C-alpha atoms as a PDB file:
ATOM      1  CA  MET A   1       0.000   0.000   0.000  1.00  0.00           C
ATOM      2  CA  LEU A   2       2.828   2.452   0.851  1.00  0.00           C
ATOM      3  CA  THR A   3       5.888   2.545  -1.382  1.00  0.00           C
ATOM      4  CA  VAL A   4       8.929   4.177   0.229  1.00  0.00           C
ATOM      5  CA  HIS A   5      11.456   5.473  -2.304  1.00  0.00           C
ATOM      6  CA  THR A   6      14.043   6.808   0.119  1.00  0.00           C
ATOM      7  CA  LEU A   7      14.554   7.609   3.792  1.00  0.00           C
ATOM      8  CA  PRO A   8      16.245  11.024   3.878  1.00  0.00           C
ATOM      9  CA  SER A   9      18.273  12.334   6.782  1.00  0.00           C
ATOM     10  CA  LEU A  10      16.074  15.048   8.309  1.00  0.00           C
ATOM     11  CA  ARG A  11      16.522  17.325  11.323  1.00  0.00           C
ATOM     12  CA  SER A  12      13.665  16.969  13.824  1.00  0.00           C
ATOM     13  CA  PRO A  13      11.146  17.143  10.956  1.00  0.00           C
ATOM     14  CA  ALA A  14       7.609  18.459  11.286  1.00  0.00           C
ATOM     15  CA  LEU A  15       4.809  16.992   9.167  1.00  0.00           C
ATOM     16  CA  LEU A  16       2.268  19.266   7.441  1.00  0.00           C
ATOM     17  CA  CYS A  17      -0.766  17.580   5.874  1.00  0.00           C
ATOM     18  CA  GLY A  18      -3.426  18.864   3.492  1.00  0.00           C
ATOM     19  CA  PHE A  19      -5.904  16.715   1.593  1.00  0.00           C
ATOM     20  CA  SER A  20      -8.161  17.786  -1.229  1.00  0.00           C
ATOM     21  CA  GLY A  21     -11.748  16.635  -1.120  1.00  0.00           C
ATOM     22  CA  TRP A  22     -14.499  16.711   1.488  1.00  0.00           C
ATOM     23  CA  ALA A  23     -12.668  18.723   4.180  1.00  0.00           C
ATOM     24  CA  ASP A  24     -10.878  21.195   1.899  1.00  0.00           C
ATOM     25  CA  ALA A  25     -13.359  24.036   1.416  1.00  0.00           C
ATOM     26  CA  GLY A  26     -11.950  26.766  -0.793  1.00  0.00           C
ATOM     27  CA  PHE A  27      -9.005  24.436  -1.454  1.00  0.00           C
ATOM     28  CA  ALA A  28      -7.476  26.162   1.568  1.00  0.00           C
ATOM     29  CA  ALA A  29      -5.654  23.168   3.069  1.00  0.00           C
ATOM     30  CA  SER A  30      -4.350  21.446  -0.052  1.00  0.00           C
ATOM     31  CA  GLN A  31      -3.286  24.749  -1.630  1.00  0.00           C
ATOM     32  CA  ALA A  32      -1.377  25.735   1.521  1.00  0.00           C
ATOM     33  CA  VAL A  33       0.863  22.665   1.503  1.00  0.00           C
ATOM     34  CA  ARG A  34       1.238  22.578  -2.285  1.00  0.00           C
ATOM     35  CA  TYR A  35       2.394  26.181  -2.085  1.00  0.00           C
ATOM     36  CA  ILE A  36       5.278  25.116   0.176  1.00  0.00           C
ATOM     37  CA  LEU A  37       6.286  22.545  -2.444  1.00  0.00           C
ATOM     38  CA  GLN A  38       6.246  25.297  -5.078  1.00  0.00           C
ATOM     39  CA  LYS A  39       8.394  27.552  -2.933  1.00  0.00           C
ATOM     40  CA  ARG A  40      11.065  25.085  -1.784  1.00  0.00           C
ATOM     41  CA  GLU A  41      13.131  22.319  -3.293  1.00  0.00           C
ATOM     42  CA  ASN A  42      11.741  18.972  -2.237  1.00  0.00           C
ATOM     43  CA  GLU A  43      11.986  15.261  -2.859  1.00  0.00           C
ATOM     44  CA  ARG A  44       9.144  12.774  -3.181  1.00  0.00           C
ATOM     45  CA  ILE A  45      10.092  10.099  -0.698  1.00  0.00           C
ATOM     46  CA  ALA A  46       7.009   7.860  -0.562  1.00  0.00           C
ATOM     47  CA  GLU A  47       3.493   7.461  -1.907  1.00  0.00           C
ATOM     48  CA  PHE A  48       0.423   5.351  -1.397  1.00  0.00           C
ATOM     49  CA  ASN A  49      -0.609   2.984  -4.177  1.00  0.00           C
ATOM     50  CA  PRO A  50      -3.589   4.741  -5.780  1.00  0.00           C
ATOM     51  CA  ASP A  51      -5.241   1.414  -6.680  1.00  0.00           C
ATOM     52  CA  SER A  52      -5.321   0.615  -2.958  1.00  0.00           C
ATOM     53  CA  ILE A  53      -6.926   3.803  -1.668  1.00  0.00           C
ATOM     54  CA  TYR A  54      -9.020   5.353  -4.451  1.00  0.00           C
ATOM     55  CA  ALA A  55     -12.300   4.455  -6.125  1.00  0.00           C
ATOM     56  CA  TYR A  56     -11.700   5.904  -9.565  1.00  0.00           C
ATOM     57  CA  THR A  57     -15.404   6.570 -10.120  1.00  0.00           C
ATOM     58  CA  THR A  58     -15.186   8.964  -7.144  1.00  0.00           C
ATOM     59  CA  THR A  59     -11.620  10.290  -7.349  1.00  0.00           C
ATOM     60  CA  ARG A  60     -11.079  10.171 -11.076  1.00  0.00           C
ATOM     61  CA  PRO A  61      -7.778  10.251 -12.965  1.00  0.00           C
ATOM     62  CA  SER A  62      -7.228  13.226 -15.279  1.00  0.00           C
ATOM     63  CA  GLY A  63      -6.616  13.108 -18.988  1.00  0.00           C
ATOM     64  CA  VAL A  64      -3.683  15.297 -20.043  1.00  0.00           C
ATOM     65  CA  PHE A  65      -1.953  15.775 -23.380  1.00  0.00           C
ATOM     66  CA  ALA A  66       1.590  14.419 -23.377  1.00  0.00           C
ATOM     67  CA  SER A  67       2.100  15.568 -26.984  1.00  0.00           C
ATOM     68  CA  PRO A  68      -0.127  16.703 -29.859  1.00  0.00           C
ATOM     69  CA  GLY A  69      -2.744  14.033 -30.435  1.00  0.00           C
ATOM     70  CA  ARG A  70      -1.548  11.877 -27.504  1.00  0.00           C
ATOM     71  CA  ARG A  71      -3.435  11.994 -24.253  1.00  0.00           C
ATOM     72  CA  VAL A  72      -2.415  10.057 -21.135  1.00  0.00           C
ATOM     73  CA  LEU A  73      -3.966   9.466 -17.742  1.00  0.00           C
ATOM     74  CA  ARG A  74      -2.655  11.225 -14.641  1.00  0.00           C
ATOM     75  CA  TRP A  75      -3.567   9.136 -11.620  1.00  0.00           C
ATOM     76  CA  PRO A  76      -4.460  10.650  -8.246  1.00  0.00           C
ATOM     77  CA  SER A  77      -1.489  10.628  -5.895  1.00  0.00           C
ATOM     78  CA  LEU A  78      -1.189  10.817  -2.113  1.00  0.00           C
ATOM     79  CA  ALA A  79       2.520  11.449  -1.642  1.00  0.00           C
ATOM     80  CA  TRP A  80       5.108  12.334   0.994  1.00  0.00           C
ATOM     81  CA  HIS A  81       7.706  15.012   0.220  1.00  0.00           C
ATOM     82  CA  ALA A  82      10.837  15.883   2.197  1.00  0.00           C
ATOM     83  CA  VAL A  83      11.587  19.629   2.328  1.00  0.00           C
ATOM     84  CA  PRO A  84      15.035  20.538   3.712  1.00  0.00           C
ATOM     85  CA  VAL A  85      15.052  23.913   5.483  1.00  0.00           C
ATOM     86  CA  PRO A  86      18.714  24.456   6.441  1.00  0.00           C
ATOM     87  CA  GLU A  87      18.119  28.005   7.698  1.00  0.00           C
ATOM     88  CA  SER A  88      15.555  26.795  10.260  1.00  0.00           C
ATOM     89  CA  PRO A  89      15.810  24.512  13.292  1.00  0.00           C
ATOM     90  CA  ARG A  90      13.828  21.738  11.624  1.00  0.00           C
ATOM     91  CA  ASP A  91      13.079  20.296   8.206  1.00  0.00           C
ATOM     92  CA  LEU A  92       9.591  19.654   6.873  1.00  0.00           C
ATOM     93  CA  VAL A  93       7.694  16.700   5.479  1.00  0.00           C
ATOM     94  CA  ILE A  94       4.583  17.362   3.369  1.00  0.00           C
ATOM     95  CA  LEU A  95       1.797  14.812   2.905  1.00  0.00           C
ATOM     96  CA  VAL A  96      -0.600  15.971   0.208  1.00  0.00           C
ATOM     97  CA  GLY A  97      -3.087  14.572  -2.255  1.00  0.00           C
ATOM     98  CA  PRO A  98      -6.754  13.655  -2.569  1.00  0.00           C
ATOM     99  CA  GLU A  99      -8.339  12.223   0.541  1.00  0.00           C
ATOM    100  CA  PRO A 100      -8.478   8.408   0.230  1.00  0.00           C
ATOM    101  CA  ASP A 101     -11.777   6.769  -0.642  1.00  0.00           C
ATOM    102  CA  LEU A 102     -10.909   3.292   0.627  1.00  0.00           C
ATOM    103  CA  ARG A 103      -9.111   1.360   3.393  1.00  0.00           C
ATOM    104  CA  TRP A 104      -8.696   4.260   5.794  1.00  0.00           C
ATOM    105  CA  GLN A 105      -7.707   2.144   8.778  1.00  0.00           C
ATOM    106  CA  GLU A 106      -4.913   0.346   6.941  1.00  0.00           C
ATOM    107  CA  CYS A 107      -3.805   3.612   5.336  1.00  0.00           C
ATOM    108  CA  LEU A 108      -3.619   5.330   8.733  1.00  0.00           C
ATOM    109  CA  GLU A 109      -1.654   2.434  10.219  1.00  0.00           C
ATOM    110  CA  LYS A 110       0.904   2.747   7.405  1.00  0.00           C
ATOM    111  CA  ALA A 111       1.004   6.525   7.820  1.00  0.00           C
ATOM    112  CA  ALA A 112       1.577   6.313  11.587  1.00  0.00           C
ATOM    113  CA  ALA A 113       4.385   3.772  11.133  1.00  0.00           C
ATOM    114  CA  PHE A 114       6.070   5.950   8.489  1.00  0.00           C
ATOM    115  CA  ILE A 115       5.730   9.028  10.708  1.00  0.00           C
ATOM    116  CA  GLU A 116       7.631   7.156  13.411  1.00  0.00           C
ATOM    117  CA  GLN A 117      10.200   5.907  10.908  1.00  0.00           C
ATOM    118  CA  LEU A 118      10.900   9.462   9.732  1.00  0.00           C
ATOM    119  CA  GLY A 119      11.355  10.698  13.295  1.00  0.00           C
ATOM    120  CA  ILE A 120       8.575  13.266  12.970  1.00  0.00           C
ATOM    121  CA  SER A 121       8.630  15.564  16.015  1.00  0.00           C
ATOM    122  CA  GLN A 122       5.371  17.458  15.398  1.00  0.00           C
ATOM    123  CA  VAL A 123       2.310  17.030  13.177  1.00  0.00           C
ATOM    124  CA  ILE A 124       0.008  19.770  11.880  1.00  0.00           C
ATOM    125  CA  THR A 125      -3.021  18.801   9.807  1.00  0.00           C
ATOM    126  CA  LEU A 126      -4.958  21.448   7.872  1.00  0.00           C
ATOM    127  CA  GLY A 127      -8.603  21.575   6.886  1.00  0.00           C
ATOM    128  CA  ALA A 128     -11.409  23.960   5.958  1.00  0.00           C
ATOM    129  CA  PHE A 129     -15.193  23.879   6.292  1.00  0.00           C
ATOM    130  CA  LEU A 130     -17.969  25.879   4.649  1.00  0.00           C
ATOM    131  CA  ALA A 131     -19.709  28.562   6.708  1.00  0.00           C
ATOM    132  CA  GLN A 132     -21.648  31.794   6.277  1.00  0.00           C
ATOM    133  CA  VAL A 133     -18.682  34.138   6.655  1.00  0.00           C
ATOM    134  CA  HIS A 134     -17.879  37.335   4.790  1.00  0.00           C
ATOM    135  CA  TYR A 135     -15.153  37.007   2.178  1.00  0.00           C
ATOM    136  CA  ALA A 136     -13.414  40.150   3.487  1.00  0.00           C
ATOM    137  CA  ALA A 137     -13.571  39.229   7.180  1.00  0.00           C
ATOM    138  CA  PRO A 138     -10.405  38.161   9.036  1.00  0.00           C
ATOM    139  CA  PRO A 139     -10.020  34.374   8.684  1.00  0.00           C
ATOM    140  CA  PHE A 140     -11.730  32.407  11.435  1.00  0.00           C
ATOM    141  CA  LEU A 141      -9.606  29.558  12.834  1.00  0.00           C
ATOM    142  CA  MET A 142     -10.472  26.596  15.006  1.00  0.00           C
ATOM    143  CA  GLY A 143      -8.154  23.891  16.273  1.00  0.00           C
ATOM    144  CA  LEU A 144      -7.593  20.854  18.383  1.00  0.00           C
ATOM    145  CA  ALA A 145      -4.303  19.892  20.070  1.00  0.00           C
ATOM    146  CA  SER A 146      -3.152  16.577  21.473  1.00  0.00           C
ATOM    147  CA  ASN A 147      -1.557  17.892  24.680  1.00  0.00           C
ATOM    148  CA  GLU A 148      -1.925  20.723  27.158  1.00  0.00           C
ATOM    149  CA  GLU A 149       1.126  22.655  25.970  1.00  0.00           C
ATOM    150  CA  MET A 150      -0.173  22.795  22.394  1.00  0.00           C
ATOM    151  CA  ARG A 151      -3.677  23.692  23.611  1.00  0.00           C
ATOM    152  CA  GLU A 152      -2.242  26.650  25.488  1.00  0.00           C
ATOM    153  CA  ARG A 153      -0.321  27.743  22.406  1.00  0.00           C
ATOM    154  CA  LEU A 154      -3.477  27.629  20.295  1.00  0.00           C
ATOM    155  CA  GLN A 155      -5.280  29.675  22.926  1.00  0.00           C
ATOM    156  CA  SER A 156      -2.496  32.271  22.918  1.00  0.00           C
ATOM    157  CA  LEU A 157      -2.930  32.556  19.130  1.00  0.00           C
ATOM    158  CA  SER A 158      -6.696  33.166  19.514  1.00  0.00           C
ATOM    159  CA  VAL A 159      -7.508  29.851  17.839  1.00  0.00           C
ATOM    160  CA  ARG A 160     -10.741  28.550  19.313  1.00  0.00           C
ATOM    161  CA  GLU A 161     -10.749  24.934  20.473  1.00  0.00           C
ATOM    162  CA  THR A 162     -13.351  22.959  18.567  1.00  0.00           C
ATOM    163  CA  ASP A 163     -15.770  20.573  20.218  1.00  0.00           C
ATOM    164  CA  TYR A 164     -17.211  19.313  16.934  1.00  0.00           C
ATOM    165  CA  GLU A 165     -18.396  15.701  16.830  1.00  0.00           C
ATOM    166  CA  GLY A 166     -19.648  14.020  13.687  1.00  0.00           C
ATOM    167  CA  PRO A 167     -18.510  12.965  10.219  1.00  0.00           C
ATOM    168  CA  THR A 168     -14.851  13.754   9.783  1.00  0.00           C
ATOM    169  CA  GLY A 169     -12.066  13.848   7.221  1.00  0.00           C
ATOM    170  CA  PHE A 170      -8.869  11.945   6.626  1.00  0.00           C
ATOM    171  CA  ALA A 171      -6.842  14.784   8.177  1.00  0.00           C
ATOM    172  CA  SER A 172      -8.498  14.072  11.509  1.00  0.00           C
ATOM    173  CA  GLY A 173      -7.566  10.425  11.105  1.00  0.00           C
ATOM    174  CA  VAL A 174      -3.899  11.288  10.570  1.00  0.00           C
ATOM    175  CA  ALA A 175      -3.949  13.594  13.599  1.00  0.00           C
ATOM    176  CA  SER A 176      -5.486  10.884  15.762  1.00  0.00           C
ATOM    177  CA  ALA A 177      -3.022   8.231  14.562  1.00  0.00           C
ATOM    178  CA  ALA A 178      -0.027  10.500  15.249  1.00  0.00           C
ATOM    179  CA  ALA A 179      -1.339  11.520  18.671  1.00  0.00           C
ATOM    180  CA  GLU A 180      -1.719   7.851  19.625  1.00  0.00           C
ATOM    181  CA  LYS A 181       2.013   7.495  18.941  1.00  0.00           C
ATOM    182  CA  GLY A 182       2.677  10.281  21.438  1.00  0.00           C
ATOM    183  CA  ILE A 183       3.649  12.842  18.797  1.00  0.00           C
ATOM    184  CA  PRO A 184       2.493  16.440  19.521  1.00  0.00           C
ATOM    185  CA  THR A 185      -0.292  17.054  17.039  1.00  0.00           C
ATOM    186  CA  VAL A 186      -2.486  20.006  16.089  1.00  0.00           C
ATOM    187  CA  SER A 187      -5.461  20.059  13.746  1.00  0.00           C
ATOM    188  CA  LEU A 188      -6.128  23.515  12.281  1.00  0.00           C
ATOM    189  CA  TRP A 189      -9.367  24.446  10.537  1.00  0.00           C
ATOM    190  CA  THR A 190     -10.587  27.608   8.872  1.00  0.00           C
ATOM    191  CA  ALA A 191     -14.038  28.736   7.738  1.00  0.00           C
ATOM    192  CA  ALA A 192     -14.499  29.300   4.005  1.00  0.00           C
ATOM    193  CA  PRO A 193     -17.404  31.321   2.535  1.00  0.00           C
ATOM    194  CA  SER A 194     -20.033  28.828   1.415  1.00  0.00           C
ATOM    195  CA  TYR A 195     -21.047  31.053  -1.522  1.00  0.00           C
ATOM    196  CA  LEU A 196     -17.478  30.836  -2.900  1.00  0.00           C
ATOM    197  CA  ALA A 197     -17.145  27.100  -2.388  1.00  0.00           C
ATOM    198  CA  ASN A 198     -15.788  26.371  -5.860  1.00  0.00           C
ATOM    199  CA  MET A 199     -13.106  29.059  -5.837  1.00  0.00           C
ATOM    200  CA  ALA A 200      -9.611  28.613  -4.417  1.00  0.00           C
ATOM    201  CA  ASN A 201      -9.056  30.960  -1.486  1.00  0.00           C
ATOM    202  CA  PRO A 202      -5.365  31.823  -1.021  1.00  0.00           C
ATOM    203  CA  LYS A 203      -6.236  34.180   1.855  1.00  0.00           C
ATOM    204  CA  LEU A 204      -7.350  31.194   3.926  1.00  0.00           C
ATOM    205  CA  SER A 205      -4.339  29.126   2.884  1.00  0.00           C
ATOM    206  CA  ALA A 206      -2.092  31.952   4.068  1.00  0.00           C
ATOM    207  CA  ALA A 207      -3.950  32.120   7.396  1.00  0.00           C
ATOM    208  CA  LEU A 208      -3.420  28.394   7.985  1.00  0.00           C
ATOM    209  CA  LEU A 209       0.282  28.779   7.231  1.00  0.00           C
ATOM    210  CA  ALA A 210       0.576  31.864   9.451  1.00  0.00           C
ATOM    211  CA  THR A 211      -0.698  29.936  12.471  1.00  0.00           C
ATOM    212  CA  SER A 212       1.440  26.930  11.537  1.00  0.00           C
ATOM    213  CA  GLU A 213       4.458  29.247  11.527  1.00  0.00           C
ATOM    214  CA  GLN A 214       3.710  30.252  15.099  1.00  0.00           C
ATOM    215  CA  LEU A 215       3.315  26.651  16.188  1.00  0.00           C
ATOM    216  CA  LEU A 216       6.528  25.547  14.474  1.00  0.00           C
ATOM    217  CA  GLY A 217       8.575  28.639  15.272  1.00  0.00           C
ATOM    218  CA  GLN A 218       9.811  29.012  11.697  1.00  0.00           C
ATOM    219  CA  GLU A 219       8.914  30.717   8.429  1.00  0.00           C
ATOM    220  CA  LEU A 220       6.635  29.111   5.829  1.00  0.00           C
ATOM    221  CA  TRP A 221       7.050  31.816   3.143  1.00  0.00           C
ATOM    222  CA  ARG A 222       3.363  32.721   2.944  1.00  0.00           C
ATOM    223  CA  GLN A 223       3.785  36.295   1.636  1.00  0.00           C
ATOM    224  CA  GLU A 224       2.835  35.541  -1.975  1.00  0.00           C
ATOM    225  CA  LEU A 225      -0.277  33.681  -0.846  1.00  0.00           C
ATOM    226  CA  GLU A 226      -1.284  36.724   1.175  1.00  0.00           C
ATOM    227  CA  ALA A 227      -0.779  38.939  -1.871  1.00  0.00           C
ATOM    228  CA  ALA A 228      -2.905  36.555  -3.955  1.00  0.00           C
ATOM    229  CA  GLY A 229      -5.606  36.711  -1.269  1.00  0.00           C
ATOM    230  CA  ARG A 230      -5.669  40.506  -1.377  1.00  0.00           C
ATOM    231  CA  GLU A 231      -5.947  40.379  -5.165  1.00  0.00           C
ATOM    232  CA  MET A 232      -8.836  37.908  -4.886  1.00  0.00           C
ATOM    233  CA  GLU A 233     -10.700  40.266  -2.545  1.00  0.00           C
ATOM    234  CA  ARG A 234     -10.149  43.184  -4.941  1.00  0.00           C
ATOM    235  CA  ASN A 235     -11.573  41.090  -7.796  1.00  0.00           C
ATOM    236  CA  ILE A 236     -14.652  40.208  -5.742  1.00  0.00           C
ATOM    237  CA  ASP A 237     -15.115  43.849  -4.732  1.00  0.00           C
ATOM    238  CA  GLU A 238     -15.077  44.848  -8.403  1.00  0.00           C
ATOM    239  CA  ALA A 239     -17.566  42.118  -9.289  1.00  0.00           C
ATOM    240  CA  VAL A 240     -19.922  43.279  -6.552  1.00  0.00           C
ATOM    241  CA  ARG A 241     -19.655  46.917  -7.652  1.00  0.00           C
ATOM    242  CA  ALA A 242     -20.515  45.854 -11.192  1.00  0.00           C
ATOM    243  CA  ARG A 243     -23.416  43.664 -10.024  1.00  0.00           C
ATOM    244  CA  PRO A 244     -24.772  44.998  -6.691  1.00  0.00           C
ATOM    245  CA  GLU A 245     -27.364  42.209  -6.537  1.00  0.00           C
ATOM    246  CA  LEU A 246     -24.542  39.785  -5.713  1.00  0.00           C
ATOM    247  CA  ALA A 247     -24.002  41.498  -2.365  1.00  0.00           C
ATOM    248  CA  LYS A 248     -27.188  39.936  -0.982  1.00  0.00           C
ATOM    249  CA  LEU A 249     -25.396  36.583  -0.925  1.00  0.00           C
ATOM    250  CA  PHE A 250     -22.817  37.847   1.571  1.00  0.00           C
ATOM    251  CA  PRO A 251     -23.387  37.817   5.350  1.00  0.00           C
ATOM    252  CA  HIS A 252     -23.794  41.376   6.608  1.00  0.00           C
ATOM    253  CA  ILE A 253     -22.756  40.732  10.223  1.00  0.00           C
ATOM    254  CA  LEU A 254     -19.044  40.155  10.701  1.00  0.00           C
ATOM    255  CA  GLY A 255     -17.556  38.474  13.725  1.00  0.00           C
ATOM    256  CA  GLN A 256     -20.563  36.172  14.122  1.00  0.00           C
ATOM    257  CA  GLU A 257     -20.213  33.058  16.245  1.00  0.00           C
ATOM    258  CA  ILE A 258     -19.326  30.076  14.042  1.00  0.00           C
ATOM    259  CA  GLN A 259     -19.588  26.438  14.993  1.00  0.00           C
ATOM    260  CA  PRO A 260     -18.953  23.856  12.272  1.00  0.00           C
ATOM    261  CA  SER A 261     -21.627  21.289  11.659  1.00  0.00           C
ATOM    262  CA  ALA A 262     -21.950  18.292   9.411  1.00  0.00           C
ATOM    263  CA  GLU A 263     -24.063  20.474   7.114  1.00  0.00           C
ATOM    264  CA  GLN A 264     -21.403  23.184   6.917  1.00  0.00           C
ATOM    265  CA  LEU A 265     -18.779  20.573   6.110  1.00  0.00           C
ATOM    266  CA  SER A 266     -20.815  19.253   3.195  1.00  0.00           C
ATOM    267  CA  ALA A 267     -20.035  20.690  -0.223  1.00  0.00           C
ATOM    268  CA  GLU A 268     -23.658  19.950  -1.199  1.00  0.00           C
ATOM    269  CA  ASN A 269     -24.687  23.167   0.580  1.00  0.00           C
ATOM    270  CA  SER A 270     -22.419  25.363  -1.526  1.00  0.00           C
ATOM    271  CA  VAL A 271     -23.730  28.012  -3.894  1.00  0.00           C
ATOM    272  CA  GLU A 272     -22.009  28.036  -7.249  1.00  0.00           C
ATOM    273  CA  PHE A 273     -20.749  31.484  -8.162  1.00  0.00           C
ATOM    274  CA  GLY A 274     -19.934  31.308 -11.838  1.00  0.00           C
ATOM    275  CA  ASP A 275     -19.060  34.994 -12.206  1.00  0.00           C
ATOM    276  CA  PHE A 276     -15.883  34.579 -10.142  1.00  0.00           C
ATOM    277  CA  PRO A 277     -12.678  32.846 -11.301  1.00  0.00           C
ATOM    278  CA  SER A 278     -12.641  29.079 -10.991  1.00  0.00           C
ATOM    279  CA  ALA A 279     -10.264  27.306  -8.624  1.00  0.00           C
ATOM    280  CA  GLU A 280      -8.202  26.218 -11.603  1.00  0.00           C
ATOM    281  CA  GLU A 281      -7.928  29.806 -12.859  1.00  0.00           C
ATOM    282  CA  VAL A 282      -6.814  31.120  -9.459  1.00  0.00           C
ATOM    283  CA  LEU A 283      -4.238  28.351  -9.056  1.00  0.00           C
ATOM    284  CA  LYS A 284      -2.994  28.966 -12.591  1.00  0.00           C
ATOM    285  CA  ASP A 285      -2.644  32.683 -11.870  1.00  0.00           C
ATOM    286  CA  LEU A 286      -0.783  31.937  -8.627  1.00  0.00           C
ATOM    287  CA  GLU A 287       1.572  29.478 -10.336  1.00  0.00           C
ATOM    288  CA  GLU A 288       2.221  31.992 -13.113  1.00  0.00           C
ATOM    289  CA  HIS A 289       2.962  34.682 -10.525  1.00  0.00           C
ATOM    290  CA  LEU A 290       5.413  32.382  -8.729  1.00  0.00           C
ATOM    291  CA  ARG A 291       7.071  31.478 -12.043  1.00  0.00           C
ATOM    292  CA  ARG A 292       7.582  35.161 -12.919  1.00  0.00           C
ATOM    293  CA  LEU A 293       9.044  35.828  -9.479  1.00  0.00           C
ATOM    294  CA  ARG A 294      11.483  32.918  -9.837  1.00  0.00           C
ATOM    295  CA  GLU A 295      12.557  34.154 -13.279  1.00  0.00           C
ATOM    296  CA  GLN A 296      12.994  37.686 -11.928  1.00  0.00           C
ATOM    297  CA  ARG A 297      15.159  36.437  -9.064  1.00  0.00           C
ATOM    298  CA  SER A 298      17.217  34.409 -11.536  1.00  0.00           C
ATOM    299  CA  ASP A 299      17.713  37.446 -13.774  1.00  0.00           C
ATOM    300  CA  ASP A 300      18.681  39.622 -10.811  1.00  0.00           C
ATOM    301  CA  ALA A 301      21.146  37.117  -9.373  1.00  0.00           C
ATOM    302  CA  PRO A 302      24.818  38.164  -9.734  1.00  0.00           C
ATOM    303  CA  PRO A 303      26.883  36.048 -12.152  1.00  0.00           C
ATOM    304  CA  ASN A 304      29.136  33.377 -10.653  1.00  0.00           C
END
């Protein structure tokens, strides 16, 4: 089920997890960890066998063109990546991909064993749920920690402790499996506007990384995500000015009390908002922005 390609030498690594699917409203969690992989050199060190964990009628492969007239299948992948961070006290490991459809218990057993094998010192899982929040409001964060020290740290960061019970996501399974091994673990969640459910929300991804930075005590390079979030808000503001009737979809009371429910976590309650950019368009714009920045840095670098 789990194929390990290499066991790198890592310094007190922390694991960050984000899974696309049911518990990834606004693509906030999966985009946050994929952003780290875009920003830093990394190595794929292990992956789950997709035939073992996915039902392809639910999590479908993608057809992509390998060359003119030749299309190939790209299979869903749940993979582990090692991210060396020599300027910080610890390295990172990223686990990212679509949430499994099948064999969760066996998958979590393999994940917990590999976490121990890597010497993971801390685990942070990321997630997002749908709620009636204003797109321009400060991100609302909830969390759950495995020990008293981490609970106090969340409290100091104004992250409310969740008491949610009900249907849950794979991220919660990873957090539980790591905590059972005695590894300090935090689950972080943010609230995504339900009326923008089908649009990637880099503002929320940046908020998840900002809190993760505080928990880890090291930088996660979120600045470009924050800039993309501000640009997203400007685009929505312009759309609302052009079509004032859209404003009725937004909550008018900010700072309202939010408690996630099974209904809020269900994408079936989302309102499609076709006038805004799709998730794919936002991700494409973000990747293009990162590419231009990398090229600019390369051009500005002094010759050897």
